[in-house]
Amino acid sequence: MFNGGVLPEPGPLRLLAGATLINTFGNGVSMTSIALFLTRSVGLSVRETGLALTVTALASLVASAPMGYVADRRGPRGVLVAGLVVLAVGSVALVTVDGFGSYLLVGVPMAIADAAQRAAKGAVIAGAVPADRRVHTRAYLRSVTNVGIAAGSAVAGVGLAIDTRPAYLTLILLDAVTYAAAALVLRGLAPVPAAPARETGPRLVALRDRPFLAFVVLDGLMATHFGLFEVALPLWIAHRTDAPRWLIAVLFLVNTTAVVLFQVRAARGTESLSGAARASRRAGLALFAGCALFAVSGGTSMPATVALLVLGALAHVTGELWHSAAGWGISFGLAPSDAHGQYQGAYSMGMQLGQMLAPFVVTSLAVGWGAPGWLLLGAVFAVLGTLVPPVVAWARRTRPQVAEPVPA
């Protein structure tokens, strides 16, 4: 898929990478600006903004598996492109929002469209990429995602600094343009055939697959580590250590750079279910190490505090890289060939749930309890990672024996 360089060879991965870079640039713009757009431009209160964003997040979570089913039945490329088009139209409609109710009228359909395009994207990868390259493709796209979000966030910072309604509207419309441009790029993909409907049994088989749902729960709970790094750690550094606050930005830069440079390498060996399960176990141990280092940093003084926080961030991002790769390998490996869309949708439900729970859980434990809370969180991550291999083994026993993909 590569020809001795950073860019992939012409084909599905190059198109997916180009669309991902464009789309995630827009995501970086919107993620950075949406809350302030609603409070500073639309006039919602902080409480109304939090509630509105929670409602849209719940809508996306609930819609994930059903939208994945639609992608399987209608053809994932078409659903992916349609989802991006709806998001583009919705972003344009955001400029007319003037209150809580009108935001939900636009935001909820956008959340459902986002769930559709996320699930469809996984199904496109499953259909357009050989089985032994799917995890590699996901890893490469995650590296691209971090580049896009970082660039979009930087651009959004200019609009936030201007802090006027025209500036916020410009950011919103820029996001709309990126959705439309990504959809246009993805039209160049060859269509992935739709899977025929099953003659018997439930339609949403992913939500009846108990071993897979057990994995989704474990993986989703482990995904709280994203909130740990993004929410709890900055608060910990600012309020419970003597480290300079600028270190927060440095650690975020370290995390982003590590994902861009090492996600593909960390995904090696996770193409098989057994390899992915082992990576999940390693992820839990690495996250435990990171939490332990963060815990100790609260009782030291400079420069030891800085050293512990940097080492903790490196351990955390190592666990993050393995956790992501493991999730891709397992979610692809356990999905029937005719249900990749809904399995990818169900997999994302766990991730979304974990990220919704994270701010309250991690701040209560890590910041509220201090070192004991950090150690408890680390122990939970280690246990979750250790439980994944037996759950994957259980899932494999419920499926027909199929040869696992072997890396080329």
Protein backbone atom coordinates (compact mmCIF):
# COMPACT_ATOMS: atom_id res chain seq x y z
CA MET A 1 0.00 0.00 0.00
CA PHE A 2 3.03 2.26 0.30
CA ASN A 3 5.67 3.00 -2.28
CA GLY A 4 8.68 3.85 -0.11
CA GLY A 5 7.21 7.10 1.21
CA VAL A 6 4.77 8.59 3.68
CA LEU A 7 1.88 8.72 1.20
CA PRO A 8 0.11 5.47 0.35
CA GLU A 9 -0.03 4.26 -3.22
CA PRO A 10 -3.04 5.30 -5.33
CA GLY A 11 -6.08 3.34 -4.28
CA PRO A 12 -8.57 3.05 -1.40
CA LEU A 13 -6.13 4.00 1.38
CA ARG A 14 -4.99 7.17 -0.37
CA LEU A 15 -8.58 8.27 -0.94
CA LEU A 16 -9.55 7.42 2.64
CA ALA A 17 -6.50 9.25 3.96
CA GLY A 18 -7.21 12.35 1.90
CA ALA A 19 -10.85 12.44 2.95
CA THR A 20 -9.90 11.80 6.57
CA LEU A 21 -7.38 14.65 6.60
CA ILE A 22 -9.95 17.06 5.16
CA ASN A 23 -12.75 15.89 7.43
CA THR A 24 -10.72 15.84 10.64
CA PHE A 25 -9.36 19.31 9.90
CA GLY A 26 -13.00 20.40 10.02
CA ASN A 27 -13.56 18.29 13.13
CA GLY A 28 -10.70 20.12 14.81
CA VAL A 29 -12.31 23.43 13.92
CA SER A 30 -15.75 22.43 15.23
CA MET A 31 -14.57 20.57 18.35
CA THR A 32 -12.60 23.61 19.45
CA SER A 33 -15.30 26.17 18.71
CA ILE A 34 -18.76 24.60 19.09
CA ALA A 35 -19.18 25.18 22.83
CA LEU A 36 -18.14 28.83 22.57
CA PHE A 37 -20.28 29.28 19.45
CA LEU A 38 -23.31 28.16 21.44
CA THR A 39 -22.55 30.32 24.48
CA ARG A 40 -20.94 33.41 22.95
CA SER A 41 -22.82 33.61 19.64
CA VAL A 42 -26.13 31.78 20.06
CA GLY A 43 -26.56 32.85 23.68
CA LEU A 44 -27.10 29.51 25.41
CA SER A 45 -26.12 29.22 29.06
CA VAL A 46 -23.25 26.96 30.04
CA ARG A 47 -25.77 24.52 31.49
CA GLU A 48 -27.89 24.53 28.32
CA THR A 49 -24.78 24.02 26.21
CA GLY A 50 -23.68 21.04 28.28
CA LEU A 51 -27.15 19.50 28.10
CA ALA A 52 -27.43 20.08 24.34
CA LEU A 53 -24.06 18.46 23.65
CA THR A 54 -24.97 15.54 25.91
CA VAL A 55 -28.26 14.97 24.06
CA THR A 56 -26.52 14.95 20.69
CA ALA A 57 -23.84 12.58 22.00
CA LEU A 58 -26.55 10.20 23.25
CA ALA A 59 -28.31 10.38 19.87
CA SER A 60 -25.08 9.39 18.13
CA LEU A 61 -24.51 6.53 20.57
CA VAL A 62 -28.01 5.08 20.18
CA ALA A 63 -27.93 5.40 16.39
CA SER A 64 -24.52 3.76 15.91
CA ALA A 65 -25.50 0.10 15.47
CA PRO A 66 -28.74 0.77 13.51
CA MET A 67 -26.87 3.10 11.15
CA GLY A 68 -24.23 0.41 10.73
CA TYR A 69 -26.99 -1.99 9.72
CA VAL A 70 -28.16 0.54 7.12
CA ALA A 71 -24.60 0.76 5.79
CA ASP A 72 -24.45 -3.03 5.45
CA ARG A 73 -27.77 -3.22 3.62
CA ARG A 74 -27.51 -0.13 1.42
CA GLY A 75 -23.78 -0.22 0.68
CA PRO A 76 -21.25 1.45 3.00
CA ARG A 77 -19.67 3.84 0.51
CA GLY A 78 -23.02 5.40 -0.33
CA VAL A 79 -23.97 5.73 3.35
CA LEU A 80 -20.55 7.21 4.15
CA VAL A 81 -20.89 9.85 1.45
CA ALA A 82 -24.52 10.56 2.35
CA GLY A 83 -23.64 10.98 6.02
CA LEU A 84 -20.98 13.55 5.17
CA VAL A 85 -23.38 15.43 2.89
CA VAL A 86 -25.98 15.59 5.67
CA LEU A 87 -23.29 16.87 8.04
CA ALA A 88 -22.33 19.56 5.52
CA VAL A 89 -25.95 20.69 5.19
CA GLY A 90 -26.39 20.55 8.96
CA SER A 91 -23.32 22.69 9.53
CA VAL A 92 -24.71 25.33 7.19
CA ALA A 93 -28.02 25.15 9.08
CA LEU A 94 -26.20 25.84 12.35
CA VAL A 95 -25.85 29.49 11.33
CA THR A 96 -29.65 29.84 11.76
CA VAL A 97 -29.70 28.41 15.29
CA ASP A 98 -31.01 30.92 17.84
CA GLY A 99 -31.75 28.83 20.92
CA PHE A 100 -31.70 25.48 22.69
CA GLY A 101 -34.58 23.93 20.75
CA SER A 102 -33.39 25.01 17.34
CA TYR A 103 -29.92 23.66 18.08
CA LEU A 104 -31.37 20.24 18.89
CA LEU A 105 -33.40 20.31 15.66
CA VAL A 106 -30.13 20.62 13.77
CA GLY A 107 -27.74 18.87 16.14
CA VAL A 108 -29.62 15.59 16.61
CA PRO A 109 -29.87 14.78 12.86
CA MET A 110 -26.20 15.72 12.55
CA ALA A 111 -25.34 13.33 15.38
CA ILE A 112 -27.23 10.51 13.64
CA ALA A 113 -25.49 11.30 10.35
CA ASP A 114 -22.15 11.25 12.16
CA ALA A 115 -22.95 7.82 13.61
CA ALA A 116 -23.83 6.62 10.11
CA GLN A 117 -20.62 7.84 8.49
CA ARG A 118 -18.45 6.43 11.29
CA ALA A 119 -19.97 2.96 11.05
CA ALA A 120 -19.97 3.08 7.25
CA LYS A 121 -16.30 4.06 7.21
CA GLY A 122 -15.41 0.90 9.12
CA ALA A 123 -17.47 -1.18 6.71
CA VAL A 124 -15.78 0.50 3.73
CA ILE A 125 -12.38 -0.44 5.15
CA ALA A 126 -13.57 -4.01 5.70
CA GLY A 127 -14.85 -4.23 2.12
CA ALA A 128 -12.15 -2.33 0.24
CA VAL A 129 -9.00 -3.45 2.08
CA PRO A 130 -7.62 -7.01 2.42
CA ALA A 131 -8.27 -8.56 5.83
CA ASP A 132 -4.61 -8.52 6.81
CA ARG A 133 -4.36 -4.75 6.12
CA ARG A 134 -7.50 -3.47 7.84
CA VAL A 135 -5.88 -2.69 11.19
CA HIS A 136 -2.91 -1.10 9.43
CA THR A 137 -5.35 1.07 7.50
CA ARG A 138 -7.14 2.12 10.68
CA ALA A 139 -3.80 2.91 12.31
CA TYR A 140 -2.64 5.03 9.39
CA LEU A 141 -5.95 6.89 9.33
CA ARG A 142 -5.69 7.59 13.07
CA SER A 143 -2.27 9.14 12.51
CA VAL A 144 -3.80 11.28 9.77
CA THR A 145 -6.69 12.14 12.10
CA ASN A 146 -4.36 13.59 14.71
CA VAL A 147 -2.66 15.75 12.10
CA GLY A 148 -6.02 17.02 10.83
CA ILE A 149 -7.46 17.77 14.26
CA ALA A 150 -4.30 19.56 15.39
CA ALA A 151 -4.32 21.76 12.28
CA GLY A 152 -8.04 22.47 12.59
CA SER A 153 -7.73 23.35 16.27
CA ALA A 154 -4.95 25.81 15.47
CA VAL A 155 -7.09 27.53 12.85
CA ALA A 156 -10.05 27.62 15.24
CA GLY A 157 -7.84 29.38 17.77
CA VAL A 158 -7.71 32.40 15.46
CA GLY A 159 -11.50 32.60 15.36
CA LEU A 160 -11.75 32.18 19.12
CA ALA A 161 -9.26 35.00 19.62
CA ILE A 162 -11.37 37.31 17.42
CA ASP A 163 -14.46 36.24 19.43
CA THR A 164 -17.17 37.80 17.23
CA ARG A 165 -20.27 36.25 15.69
CA PRO A 166 -18.89 36.56 12.13
CA ALA A 167 -15.74 34.75 13.28
CA TYR A 168 -17.75 31.89 14.79
CA LEU A 169 -19.96 31.64 11.71
CA THR A 170 -16.85 31.50 9.52
CA LEU A 171 -15.56 28.54 11.54
CA ILE A 172 -18.91 26.75 11.28
CA LEU A 173 -19.08 27.25 7.51
CA LEU A 174 -15.46 26.14 7.14
CA ASP A 175 -16.46 22.88 8.81
CA ALA A 176 -19.33 22.53 6.33
CA VAL A 177 -16.92 22.95 3.41
CA THR A 178 -14.65 20.20 4.75
CA TYR A 179 -17.57 17.76 5.06
CA ALA A 180 -18.57 18.43 1.46
CA ALA A 181 -14.99 18.16 0.21
CA ALA A 182 -14.46 14.86 2.03
CA ALA A 183 -17.66 13.48 0.51
CA LEU A 184 -16.47 14.52 -2.94
CA VAL A 185 -13.13 12.74 -2.46
CA LEU A 186 -14.82 9.56 -1.26
CA ARG A 187 -16.98 9.38 -4.36
CA GLY A 188 -13.79 8.23 -6.05
CA LEU A 189 -13.87 4.99 -4.05
CA ALA A 190 -15.17 1.93 -5.82
CA PRO A 191 -18.57 0.96 -4.37
CA VAL A 192 -18.50 -1.76 -1.73
CA PRO A 193 -21.32 -4.24 -2.45
CA ALA A 194 -24.24 -4.22 -0.05
CA ALA A 195 -24.73 -7.37 2.00
CA PRO A 196 -28.02 -9.21 1.45
CA ALA A 197 -30.48 -9.23 4.32
CA ARG A 198 -30.52 -12.39 6.40
CA GLU A 199 -33.53 -14.60 5.80
CA THR A 200 -33.88 -15.54 9.47
CA GLY A 201 -32.81 -14.19 12.83
CA PRO A 202 -32.58 -10.67 14.23
CA ARG A 203 -31.48 -7.77 12.09
CA LEU A 204 -29.16 -6.18 14.65
CA VAL A 205 -27.07 -9.28 15.26
CA ALA A 206 -24.28 -7.25 16.87
CA LEU A 207 -26.58 -6.29 19.74
CA ARG A 208 -27.44 -9.98 20.30
CA ASP A 209 -23.81 -11.10 20.28
CA ARG A 210 -23.10 -11.43 24.01
CA PRO A 211 -19.35 -12.10 23.80
CA PHE A 212 -18.89 -9.16 21.46
CA LEU A 213 -20.96 -6.89 23.70
CA ALA A 214 -18.87 -7.99 26.67
CA PHE A 215 -15.79 -6.87 24.76
CA VAL A 216 -17.51 -3.59 23.82
CA VAL A 217 -18.18 -2.89 27.51
CA LEU A 218 -14.61 -3.69 28.56
CA ASP A 219 -13.17 -1.66 25.70
CA GLY A 220 -15.51 1.24 26.36
CA LEU A 221 -14.59 1.37 30.04
CA MET A 222 -10.93 1.33 29.10
CA ALA A 223 -11.64 4.25 26.75
CA THR A 224 -12.12 6.45 29.82
CA HIS A 225 -8.35 6.88 29.65
CA PHE A 226 -8.92 9.49 26.93
CA GLY A 227 -10.81 11.65 29.43
CA LEU A 228 -8.18 10.90 32.04
CA PHE A 229 -5.54 12.53 29.87
CA GLU A 230 -7.69 15.31 28.42
CA VAL A 231 -9.58 16.36 31.59
CA ALA A 232 -8.15 14.91 34.80
CA LEU A 233 -4.44 15.33 34.08
CA PRO A 234 -4.63 19.08 33.27
CA LEU A 235 -6.62 19.66 36.47
CA TRP A 236 -4.16 17.52 38.43
CA ILE A 237 -1.16 19.45 37.11
CA ALA A 238 -2.79 22.83 37.74
CA HIS A 239 -4.17 22.16 41.23
CA ARG A 240 -2.28 19.27 42.81
CA THR A 241 1.34 19.61 41.61
CA ASP A 242 3.99 22.32 41.48
CA ALA A 243 4.61 21.78 37.76
CA PRO A 244 4.28 24.81 35.47
CA ARG A 245 0.95 24.99 33.69
CA TRP A 246 2.59 25.24 30.29
CA LEU A 247 3.59 21.61 30.79
CA ILE A 248 -0.04 20.70 29.99
CA ALA A 249 0.41 21.93 26.42
CA VAL A 250 3.75 20.12 26.15
CA LEU A 251 2.19 16.81 27.22
CA PHE A 252 -0.65 17.22 24.71
CA LEU A 253 1.94 17.84 22.01
CA VAL A 254 3.85 14.73 23.11
CA ASN A 255 0.66 12.68 22.91
CA THR A 256 -0.33 13.95 19.47
CA THR A 257 3.17 13.50 18.07
CA ALA A 258 3.44 9.96 19.43
CA VAL A 259 0.14 8.96 17.82
CA VAL A 260 1.16 10.43 14.48
CA LEU A 261 4.57 8.75 14.51
CA PHE A 262 3.94 5.42 16.22
CA GLN A 263 0.30 4.33 15.80
CA VAL A 264 1.05 2.26 12.70
CA ARG A 265 4.02 0.59 14.40
CA ALA A 266 2.01 -0.11 17.56
CA ALA A 267 -0.66 -1.85 15.47
CA ARG A 268 1.71 -4.52 14.18
CA GLY A 269 0.62 -7.97 15.25
CA THR A 270 -2.96 -6.94 16.02
CA GLU A 271 -4.38 -8.18 12.70
CA SER A 272 -5.21 -11.48 14.42
CA LEU A 273 -7.65 -11.86 17.30
CA SER A 274 -5.02 -13.43 19.53
CA GLY A 275 -2.52 -10.65 18.80
CA ALA A 276 -5.14 -7.96 19.37
CA ALA A 277 -6.20 -9.52 22.67
CA ARG A 278 -2.59 -9.54 23.88
CA ALA A 279 -2.24 -5.90 22.88
CA SER A 280 -5.26 -5.05 25.00
CA ARG A 281 -3.64 -6.71 28.01
CA ARG A 282 -0.43 -4.74 27.40
CA ALA A 283 -2.48 -1.56 27.09
CA GLY A 284 -3.99 -2.07 30.52
CA LEU A 285 -0.57 -2.55 32.09
CA ALA A 286 0.87 0.51 30.35
CA LEU A 287 -2.07 2.63 31.52
CA PHE A 288 -1.54 1.35 35.06
CA ALA A 289 2.10 2.43 34.85
CA GLY A 290 1.05 5.87 33.65
CA CYS A 291 -1.46 6.29 36.46
CA ALA A 292 1.12 5.20 39.05
CA LEU A 293 3.59 7.80 37.79
CA PHE A 294 0.92 10.50 37.84
CA ALA A 295 0.02 9.49 41.40
CA VAL A 296 3.60 9.89 42.62
CA SER A 297 3.95 13.28 40.92
CA GLY A 298 1.64 14.86 43.49
CA GLY A 299 4.15 14.39 46.30
CA THR A 300 7.36 15.56 44.67
CA SER A 301 8.95 18.87 43.83
CA MET A 302 10.46 20.31 40.67
CA PRO A 303 12.15 18.95 38.57
CA ALA A 304 11.15 15.46 39.71
CA THR A 305 7.48 16.36 39.22
CA VAL A 306 8.04 17.30 35.59
CA ALA A 307 10.04 14.13 34.94
CA LEU A 308 7.32 11.94 36.48
CA LEU A 309 4.58 13.66 34.49
CA VAL A 310 6.47 13.28 31.21
CA LEU A 311 7.19 9.60 31.92
CA GLY A 312 3.55 9.10 32.88
CA ALA A 313 2.40 10.72 29.64
CA LEU A 314 4.69 8.44 27.64
CA ALA A 315 3.35 5.36 29.44
CA HIS A 316 -0.21 6.59 28.92
CA VAL A 317 0.19 7.16 25.18
CA THR A 318 1.81 3.73 24.84
CA GLY A 319 -1.31 2.22 26.39
CA GLU A 320 -3.47 4.41 24.17
CA LEU A 321 -1.73 3.17 21.02
CA TRP A 322 -2.10 -0.50 21.99
CA HIS A 323 -5.69 -0.02 23.15
CA SER A 324 -6.72 1.54 19.83
CA ALA A 325 -5.00 -1.13 17.75
CA ALA A 326 -6.48 -3.93 19.85
CA GLY A 327 -9.98 -2.55 19.43
CA TRP A 328 -9.68 -2.43 15.65
CA GLY A 329 -8.31 -5.95 15.40
CA ILE A 330 -11.01 -7.41 17.63
CA SER A 331 -13.93 -5.46 16.14
CA PHE A 332 -12.95 -6.49 12.61
CA GLY A 333 -12.04 -10.05 13.59
CA LEU A 334 -15.30 -10.85 15.38
CA ALA A 335 -17.64 -9.34 12.78
CA PRO A 336 -19.44 -11.60 10.29
CA SER A 337 -18.61 -10.70 6.70
CA ASP A 338 -22.14 -9.39 6.09
CA ALA A 339 -22.35 -7.22 9.22
CA HIS A 340 -19.18 -5.13 9.43
CA GLY A 341 -21.15 -1.89 9.49
CA GLN A 342 -23.27 -2.72 12.49
CA TYR A 343 -20.34 -4.32 14.34
CA GLN A 344 -18.26 -1.20 13.78
CA GLY A 345 -21.24 0.84 14.98
CA ALA A 346 -21.64 -1.28 18.10
CA TYR A 347 -17.91 -1.06 18.77
CA SER A 348 -18.07 2.73 18.60
CA MET A 349 -20.95 2.70 21.11
CA GLY A 350 -18.58 1.43 23.78
CA MET A 351 -16.00 4.06 22.95
CA GLN A 352 -18.61 6.82 23.04
CA LEU A 353 -20.07 5.61 26.34
CA GLY A 354 -16.63 5.47 27.92
CA GLN A 355 -15.81 8.97 26.78
CA MET A 356 -19.14 10.27 28.10
CA LEU A 357 -18.53 8.73 31.53
CA ALA A 358 -14.89 9.76 31.67
CA PRO A 359 -15.06 13.43 32.78
CA PHE A 360 -17.04 12.70 35.95
CA VAL A 361 -15.35 9.39 36.82
CA VAL A 362 -11.74 10.38 36.26
CA THR A 363 -11.97 13.80 37.88
CA SER A 364 -13.77 12.37 40.92
CA LEU A 365 -11.15 9.67 41.42
CA ALA A 366 -7.88 11.17 40.19
CA VAL A 367 -8.35 14.80 41.19
CA GLY A 368 -10.77 14.24 44.08
CA TRP A 369 -9.01 11.31 45.77
CA GLY A 370 -5.48 12.13 44.74
CA ALA A 371 -2.84 9.40 44.59
CA PRO A 372 -5.19 6.59 45.78
CA GLY A 373 -7.63 7.54 43.03
CA TRP A 374 -4.91 7.41 40.38
CA LEU A 375 -3.80 3.99 41.59
CA LEU A 376 -7.39 2.72 41.63
CA LEU A 377 -7.92 3.91 38.06
CA GLY A 378 -4.68 2.26 36.99
CA ALA A 379 -5.69 -1.01 38.64
CA VAL A 380 -9.06 -0.88 36.86
CA PHE A 381 -7.34 -0.41 33.50
CA ALA A 382 -5.03 -3.35 34.20
CA VAL A 383 -7.97 -5.58 35.13
CA LEU A 384 -9.97 -4.52 32.07
CA GLY A 385 -7.05 -5.30 29.78
CA THR A 386 -6.51 -8.67 31.43
CA LEU A 387 -10.17 -9.61 30.94
CA VAL A 388 -10.14 -8.99 27.19
CA PRO A 389 -8.22 -12.17 26.14
CA PRO A 390 -10.67 -14.57 27.86
CA VAL A 391 -13.63 -12.64 26.45
CA VAL A 392 -12.14 -12.87 22.96
CA ALA A 393 -11.56 -16.60 23.48
CA TRP A 394 -15.23 -16.94 24.49
CA ALA A 395 -16.28 -15.05 21.36
CA ARG A 396 -14.15 -17.26 19.13
CA ARG A 397 -15.81 -20.39 20.53
CA THR A 398 -19.21 -19.07 19.42
CA ARG A 399 -18.10 -18.56 15.82
CA PRO A 400 -17.28 -20.83 12.90
CA GLN A 401 -13.58 -21.62 12.67
CA VAL A 402 -12.10 -19.15 10.20
CA ALA A 403 -8.42 -18.72 9.47
CA GLU A 404 -7.08 -15.51 10.94
CA PRO A 405 -5.45 -12.97 8.62
CA VAL A 406 -1.69 -13.27 8.38
CA PRO A 407 0.25 -10.07 7.69
CA ALA A 408 1.73 -9.98 4.20
